[in-house]
Amino acid sequence: MKDLIRDADTIDWNGVSYRTILQTADTAGAMSITDSVSPPMNGPPRHIHHDADEAFVILSGECLFWLEGKTFLRGPGEAAFVPRGKEHTFQVIGEKPCRHLVILTPGGFEGFFAEMADRRCRIPEDMGDIVETGKKYHLDFTGPPLDPREADK
């Protein structure tokens, strides 16, 4: 997985690689784009970005998305859009990692990934600290990660 994106700017948080390829500062705050690789069966707890729209562009692998109670699958060459204020999550399915671009408008959220990696926060062990830090980035955690066995339930 790390061979897919690996350079001095790549950070690792809980086995997920993040490399911000368009910084918020380079867009006057308008957006950021992060190139991310997540291992199989990986995905964040359910959450809401209160101030940012989020788009995912799947480059390889497959993700099962959950958005406000509905699930849908996305694979290479497909995209998913999550409007700000909507509860969502995703999980990599299958046996291969998923490489995807994470596009947030406005930008700024990439700092959350860096801060969590720097502090070596673990899920679920450090969720209290993760939740508190999330608030700084206008993020609320609302539930557990997606269980693919719960699709469409």
C-alpha atoms as a PDB file:
ATOM      1  CA  MET A   1       0.000   0.000   0.000  1.00  0.00           C
ATOM      2  CA  LYS A   2       2.698   2.492   0.910  1.00  0.00           C
ATOM      3  CA  ASP A   3       4.263   1.990  -2.524  1.00  0.00           C
ATOM      4  CA  LEU A   4       1.179   3.576  -4.094  1.00  0.00           C
ATOM      5  CA  ILE A   5       1.944   7.001  -2.571  1.00  0.00           C
ATOM      6  CA  ARG A   6       5.202   7.460  -0.782  1.00  0.00           C
ATOM      7  CA  ASP A   7       7.345  10.540  -0.395  1.00  0.00           C
ATOM      8  CA  ALA A   8       8.497  12.938   2.294  1.00  0.00           C
ATOM      9  CA  ASP A   9       5.088  14.617   2.376  1.00  0.00           C
ATOM     10  CA  THR A  10       3.159  11.393   3.038  1.00  0.00           C
ATOM     11  CA  ILE A  11       1.865  10.850   6.553  1.00  0.00           C
ATOM     12  CA  ASP A  12       0.518   7.667   8.061  1.00  0.00           C
ATOM     13  CA  TRP A  13      -2.327   7.578  10.544  1.00  0.00           C
ATOM     14  CA  ASN A  14      -3.531   4.163  11.719  1.00  0.00           C
ATOM     15  CA  GLY A  15      -2.336   2.458   8.535  1.00  0.00           C
ATOM     16  CA  VAL A  16      -3.859   5.026   6.155  1.00  0.00           C
ATOM     17  CA  SER A  17      -1.498   7.095   4.003  1.00  0.00           C
ATOM     18  CA  TYR A  18      -2.307  10.759   3.353  1.00  0.00           C
ATOM     19  CA  ARG A  19      -0.504  13.112   0.991  1.00  0.00           C
ATOM     20  CA  THR A  20      -2.027  16.537   0.493  1.00  0.00           C
ATOM     21  CA  ILE A  21      -1.474  17.356  -3.171  1.00  0.00           C
ATOM     22  CA  LEU A  22      -3.269  20.717  -3.114  1.00  0.00           C
ATOM     23  CA  GLN A  23      -2.853  22.693   0.081  1.00  0.00           C
ATOM     24  CA  THR A  24      -5.517  25.026   1.431  1.00  0.00           C
ATOM     25  CA  ALA A  25      -2.926  27.833   1.397  1.00  0.00           C
ATOM     26  CA  ASP A  26      -2.453  27.341  -2.369  1.00  0.00           C
ATOM     27  CA  THR A  27      -6.165  27.967  -3.014  1.00  0.00           C
ATOM     28  CA  ALA A  28      -6.694  30.966  -0.712  1.00  0.00           C
ATOM     29  CA  GLY A  29      -8.744  28.635   1.486  1.00  0.00           C
ATOM     30  CA  ALA A  30     -11.096  27.463  -1.264  1.00  0.00           C
ATOM     31  CA  MET A  31     -10.234  23.763  -1.151  1.00  0.00           C
ATOM     32  CA  SER A  32      -7.738  21.014  -0.428  1.00  0.00           C
ATOM     33  CA  ILE A  33      -7.064  17.689  -2.150  1.00  0.00           C
ATOM     34  CA  THR A  34      -5.529  14.755  -0.314  1.00  0.00           C
ATOM     35  CA  ASP A  35      -4.335  11.563  -2.016  1.00  0.00           C
ATOM     36  CA  SER A  36      -5.160   8.761   0.399  1.00  0.00           C
ATOM     37  CA  VAL A  37      -4.624   4.997   0.511  1.00  0.00           C
ATOM     38  CA  SER A  38      -6.684   2.955   2.972  1.00  0.00           C
ATOM     39  CA  PRO A  39      -6.192  -0.771   3.656  1.00  0.00           C
ATOM     40  CA  PRO A  40      -8.999  -3.318   3.256  1.00  0.00           C
ATOM     41  CA  MET A  41     -11.762  -3.164   5.884  1.00  0.00           C
ATOM     42  CA  ASN A  42     -10.665   0.322   6.929  1.00  0.00           C
ATOM     43  CA  GLY A  43     -12.869   3.359   7.313  1.00  0.00           C
ATOM     44  CA  PRO A  44     -13.573   6.184   9.759  1.00  0.00           C
ATOM     45  CA  PRO A  45     -16.324   6.317  12.365  1.00  0.00           C
ATOM     46  CA  ARG A  46     -19.530   8.021  11.206  1.00  0.00           C
ATOM     47  CA  HIS A  47     -19.095  11.765  11.220  1.00  0.00           C
ATOM     48  CA  ILE A  48     -20.300  15.158   9.999  1.00  0.00           C
ATOM     49  CA  HIS A  49     -18.251  17.979   8.465  1.00  0.00           C
ATOM     50  CA  HIS A  50     -20.224  21.056   9.453  1.00  0.00           C
ATOM     51  CA  ASP A  51     -18.364  23.550   7.274  1.00  0.00           C
ATOM     52  CA  ALA A  52     -17.158  21.615   4.237  1.00  0.00           C
ATOM     53  CA  ASP A  53     -18.440  19.633   1.289  1.00  0.00           C
ATOM     54  CA  GLU A  54     -16.448  16.455   0.658  1.00  0.00           C
ATOM     55  CA  ALA A  55     -15.899  14.582  -2.582  1.00  0.00           C
ATOM     56  CA  PHE A  56     -14.102  11.280  -3.111  1.00  0.00           C
ATOM     57  CA  VAL A  57     -12.609  10.165  -6.419  1.00  0.00           C
ATOM     58  CA  ILE A  58     -11.775   6.456  -6.372  1.00  0.00           C
ATOM     59  CA  LEU A  59      -8.529   5.674  -8.185  1.00  0.00           C
ATOM     60  CA  SER A  60      -8.192   1.975  -7.253  1.00  0.00           C
ATOM     61  CA  GLY A  61      -9.976  -0.499  -5.014  1.00  0.00           C
ATOM     62  CA  GLU A  62     -13.569  -0.192  -3.853  1.00  0.00           C
ATOM     63  CA  CYS A  63     -15.369   1.691  -1.101  1.00  0.00           C
ATOM     64  CA  LEU A  64     -18.778   1.150   0.382  1.00  0.00           C
ATOM     65  CA  PHE A  65     -20.188   4.537   1.377  1.00  0.00           C
ATOM     66  CA  TRP A  66     -22.887   5.236   3.951  1.00  0.00           C
ATOM     67  CA  LEU A  67     -24.619   8.611   3.656  1.00  0.00           C
ATOM     68  CA  GLU A  68     -27.539   9.422   5.956  1.00  0.00           C
ATOM     69  CA  GLY A  69     -28.692   5.777   6.108  1.00  0.00           C
ATOM     70  CA  LYS A  70     -28.168   4.875   2.432  1.00  0.00           C
ATOM     71  CA  THR A  71     -25.267   2.753   1.189  1.00  0.00           C
ATOM     72  CA  PHE A  72     -23.654   2.762  -2.247  1.00  0.00           C
ATOM     73  CA  LEU A  73     -20.519   1.297  -3.791  1.00  0.00           C
ATOM     74  CA  ARG A  74     -17.863   3.204  -5.711  1.00  0.00           C
ATOM     75  CA  GLY A  75     -14.911   1.794  -7.642  1.00  0.00           C
ATOM     76  CA  PRO A  76     -12.121   3.051  -9.916  1.00  0.00           C
ATOM     77  CA  GLY A  77     -13.104   6.064 -11.987  1.00  0.00           C
ATOM     78  CA  GLU A  78     -16.173   6.812  -9.866  1.00  0.00           C
ATOM     79  CA  ALA A  79     -16.866   9.585  -7.376  1.00  0.00           C
ATOM     80  CA  ALA A  80     -18.999  10.219  -4.305  1.00  0.00           C
ATOM     81  CA  PHE A  81     -20.186  13.576  -3.010  1.00  0.00           C
ATOM     82  CA  VAL A  82     -21.041  14.325   0.618  1.00  0.00           C
ATOM     83  CA  PRO A  83     -22.669  17.711   1.240  1.00  0.00           C
ATOM     84  CA  ARG A  84     -21.644  19.577   4.384  1.00  0.00           C
ATOM     85  CA  GLY A  85     -23.758  18.763   7.408  1.00  0.00           C
ATOM     86  CA  LYS A  86     -24.574  15.191   6.278  1.00  0.00           C
ATOM     87  CA  GLU A  87     -23.677  12.191   8.439  1.00  0.00           C
ATOM     88  CA  HIS A  88     -21.480   9.754   6.512  1.00  0.00           C
ATOM     89  CA  THR A  89     -18.693   7.218   6.511  1.00  0.00           C
ATOM     90  CA  PHE A  90     -17.100   4.663   4.190  1.00  0.00           C
ATOM     91  CA  GLN A  91     -15.265   1.373   4.348  1.00  0.00           C
ATOM     92  CA  VAL A  92     -12.805  -0.199   1.938  1.00  0.00           C
ATOM     93  CA  ILE A  93     -14.182  -3.536   0.787  1.00  0.00           C
ATOM     94  CA  GLY A  94     -12.504  -6.445  -0.941  1.00  0.00           C
ATOM     95  CA  GLU A  95      -8.946  -7.603  -0.516  1.00  0.00           C
ATOM     96  CA  LYS A  96      -7.143  -4.631  -2.076  1.00  0.00           C
ATOM     97  CA  PRO A  97      -6.361  -1.191  -0.647  1.00  0.00           C
ATOM     98  CA  CYS A  98      -8.363   1.739  -1.940  1.00  0.00           C
ATOM     99  CA  ARG A  99      -6.590   4.784  -3.287  1.00  0.00           C
ATOM    100  CA  HIS A 100      -8.793   7.840  -3.479  1.00  0.00           C
ATOM    101  CA  LEU A 101      -8.655  11.593  -3.641  1.00  0.00           C
ATOM    102  CA  VAL A 102     -10.397  13.443  -0.815  1.00  0.00           C
ATOM    103  CA  ILE A 103     -11.500  16.919  -1.922  1.00  0.00           C
ATOM    104  CA  LEU A 104     -12.825  19.320   0.707  1.00  0.00           C
ATOM    105  CA  THR A 105     -14.314  22.733   0.035  1.00  0.00           C
ATOM    106  CA  PRO A 106     -13.431  24.954   1.693  1.00  0.00           C
ATOM    107  CA  GLY A 107     -10.046  23.568   2.628  1.00  0.00           C
ATOM    108  CA  GLY A 108      -8.443  23.256   6.024  1.00  0.00           C
ATOM    109  CA  PHE A 109      -9.395  19.763   7.107  1.00  0.00           C
ATOM    110  CA  GLU A 110      -6.106  18.227   5.993  1.00  0.00           C
ATOM    111  CA  GLY A 111      -4.677  19.620   9.246  1.00  0.00           C
ATOM    112  CA  PHE A 112      -6.797  17.105  11.163  1.00  0.00           C
ATOM    113  CA  PHE A 113      -5.011  14.157   9.498  1.00  0.00           C
ATOM    114  CA  ALA A 114      -1.606  15.675  10.212  1.00  0.00           C
ATOM    115  CA  GLU A 115      -2.444  16.441  13.828  1.00  0.00           C
ATOM    116  CA  MET A 116      -3.784  12.935  14.480  1.00  0.00           C
ATOM    117  CA  ALA A 117      -0.712  11.344  12.868  1.00  0.00           C
ATOM    118  CA  ASP A 118       1.697  13.589  14.790  1.00  0.00           C
ATOM    119  CA  ARG A 119       0.011  12.678  18.069  1.00  0.00           C
ATOM    120  CA  ARG A 120      -0.281   8.995  17.114  1.00  0.00           C
ATOM    121  CA  CYS A 121      -3.952   8.897  18.096  1.00  0.00           C
ATOM    122  CA  ARG A 122      -5.535   5.459  17.772  1.00  0.00           C
ATOM    123  CA  ILE A 123      -9.095   4.444  17.042  1.00  0.00           C
ATOM    124  CA  PRO A 124     -10.874   3.441  19.259  1.00  0.00           C
ATOM    125  CA  GLU A 125      -8.386   3.812  22.122  1.00  0.00           C
ATOM    126  CA  ASP A 126      -7.977   7.594  21.805  1.00  0.00           C
ATOM    127  CA  MET A 127     -11.478   8.511  20.614  1.00  0.00           C
ATOM    128  CA  GLY A 128     -11.968  11.084  23.378  1.00  0.00           C
ATOM    129  CA  ASP A 129      -8.959  13.056  22.165  1.00  0.00           C
ATOM    130  CA  ILE A 130      -9.908  12.517  18.510  1.00  0.00           C
ATOM    131  CA  VAL A 131     -13.433  13.818  19.147  1.00  0.00           C
ATOM    132  CA  GLU A 132     -12.112  16.930  20.904  1.00  0.00           C
ATOM    133  CA  THR A 133      -9.610  17.630  18.122  1.00  0.00           C
ATOM    134  CA  GLY A 134     -12.339  17.104  15.531  1.00  0.00           C
ATOM    135  CA  LYS A 135     -14.295  20.019  16.977  1.00  0.00           C
ATOM    136  CA  LYS A 136     -11.399  22.315  16.074  1.00  0.00           C
ATOM    137  CA  TYR A 137     -11.910  21.222  12.451  1.00  0.00           C
ATOM    138  CA  HIS A 138     -15.745  21.564  12.556  1.00  0.00           C
ATOM    139  CA  LEU A 139     -16.111  17.775  12.702  1.00  0.00           C
ATOM    140  CA  ASP A 140     -18.401  15.761  14.947  1.00  0.00           C
ATOM    141  CA  PHE A 141     -18.202  11.999  15.289  1.00  0.00           C
ATOM    142  CA  THR A 142     -21.679  10.488  15.406  1.00  0.00           C
ATOM    143  CA  GLY A 143     -21.321   6.711  15.444  1.00  0.00           C
ATOM    144  CA  PRO A 144     -19.233   3.631  14.752  1.00  0.00           C
ATOM    145  CA  PRO A 145     -17.414   2.759  11.545  1.00  0.00           C
ATOM    146  CA  LEU A 146     -19.471   1.116   8.823  1.00  0.00           C
ATOM    147  CA  ASP A 147     -20.027  -2.620   9.110  1.00  0.00           C
ATOM    148  CA  PRO A 148     -20.485  -3.879   5.522  1.00  0.00           C
ATOM    149  CA  ARG A 149     -22.836  -6.565   6.854  1.00  0.00           C
ATOM    150  CA  GLU A 150     -25.184  -3.709   7.784  1.00  0.00           C
ATOM    151  CA  ALA A 151     -25.497  -2.387   4.209  1.00  0.00           C
ATOM    152  CA  ASP A 152     -28.931  -0.856   3.531  1.00  0.00           C
ATOM    153  CA  LYS A 153     -30.152  -1.488   7.075  1.00  0.00           C
END
